Amino acid sequence: MHILEPHRYDRVRPLLAGLDDHLAVAAILDGAAPGQIYVDDPDHPTAAFTWTRHRFFLAGSPENASFNEAIRRLFAEVIYPQAPAWGLEMFELKHTPEGWAGVIPGVILRDQDPILAQRHYYVFRELKHDWRTLLPQGYRLASIDADLLAQRHIRHLDDLKEELCSERPSVEDFLAQSFGIAALYGDELAGWCTSEYNSGDCCEVGIGTLAPHQRRGVATALGSAFVERAQTQGVLRIGWHCWANNAPSIATALKLGYQLAAEYTTYIAWFAEADNLTVNGNEHLHRGEYALAMSWYRRAIERGIAHKWTWWAAARAAAALGESDAALAHLGQAINLGFDDLERIKASPQLMSLHETEGWKALVRRLEGEQDC
């Protein structure tokens, strides 16, 4: 496996053509985003592994065993050990063509327990709203620039700065290469909409609304204002990626004038083993596959790495399996570790069967007493 030097990127463009819907790849090739490209042969590449922060891409032939093994070692010996220092919690690995689907879980990520997830890609077609008529009363929009970020009295700006660095190496780099709109409510940040992976006349969009301001129309106003700004800056194509099960994101995209352009699969994994085991379990828990979910949580518990979210999920799975004593024990451990969302605990459908038990009543009294204090 070889790192391809930037002056030779043209040699790998044909291999990466199948990833045109992912501007991260185009931004790397154009030098607009930091990243690395690994190939099997720098002169005549037939397989490529492209990487920028938490986004990874495979393209070309999946049949080169030595190349695939080299990527596995790169993950195991470099990426995973360094991820905490790089500030990375999880990653996505996308691929083209379909032949990689057997190689990724079986070879490249065989020790990482990846999850196969479904994604949607939308492309903006027609502006449907004037953001000025959509912005809820009391809110205002502002450009994301140095002046805004310097206003220390605005609460939650650190959340925005963290978002700006999710795709760019620094806030300064974002301000130089990208653009965005923030929603403010008084002296509080309410949400943002930013450009990502700007390359030529194209960009992708990142959008978020903080919890107290959700379901008020803020995201729609932000998204409409963002499109208006993008068009004034000569952006002709805007892409929107989201999870296939993220109904609110899909609804917002469609409302703003985006249309579904592609559906694809991606592999995801969390670098922290406890997180990854828990998320794998959650995938089965959400599908009602409680025994399978419990097997994932048990792995974390047996290894001594379960955190409060693992115990909380394990309590629900155990209760759904009729294991009341285990469910109460797991719930108690989650509470011991700081899980104190009483409303969420009471509302869990899996835990309803425990409500008449003395163990449940004792745990609820404990939490109510702690909240009163």
Foldseek 3Di string as FASTA:
>chain_A
DDKADLVLLVLCCVFCVVVVLDLLVVLCNVVNADWIKDAPDSVHGQWIWIDGQQEIEITGDPPPVVVLQVLLCCVVPPCLVCNVVLVHFKHKYYYPDPVCVVSVCVGNCVPFPWDKFKKFKWKFDDFDDALVVQDDPQKDKDKPAPVVLVPVQQPPSVVVQVVLCSAHVGPVSCRVRWIWMWMGRVSYTFWIKIWHSDDDLETEIDIDGDDVNPPRRPRLSRLSVVVVVSVVVRRDMYMYMDTPPPVVSVVSCVVRRIDTDDMGMIIMGTSDQQVRLQVVLVVCVVVVNLVVSLVSLVVCVVVVNHALSSLQSNLLSCLQVVNNVSSLVSNVVSVVRPPQPLVVCVPRPSCPVVVPPPSNVVVSVVSVVVVVD
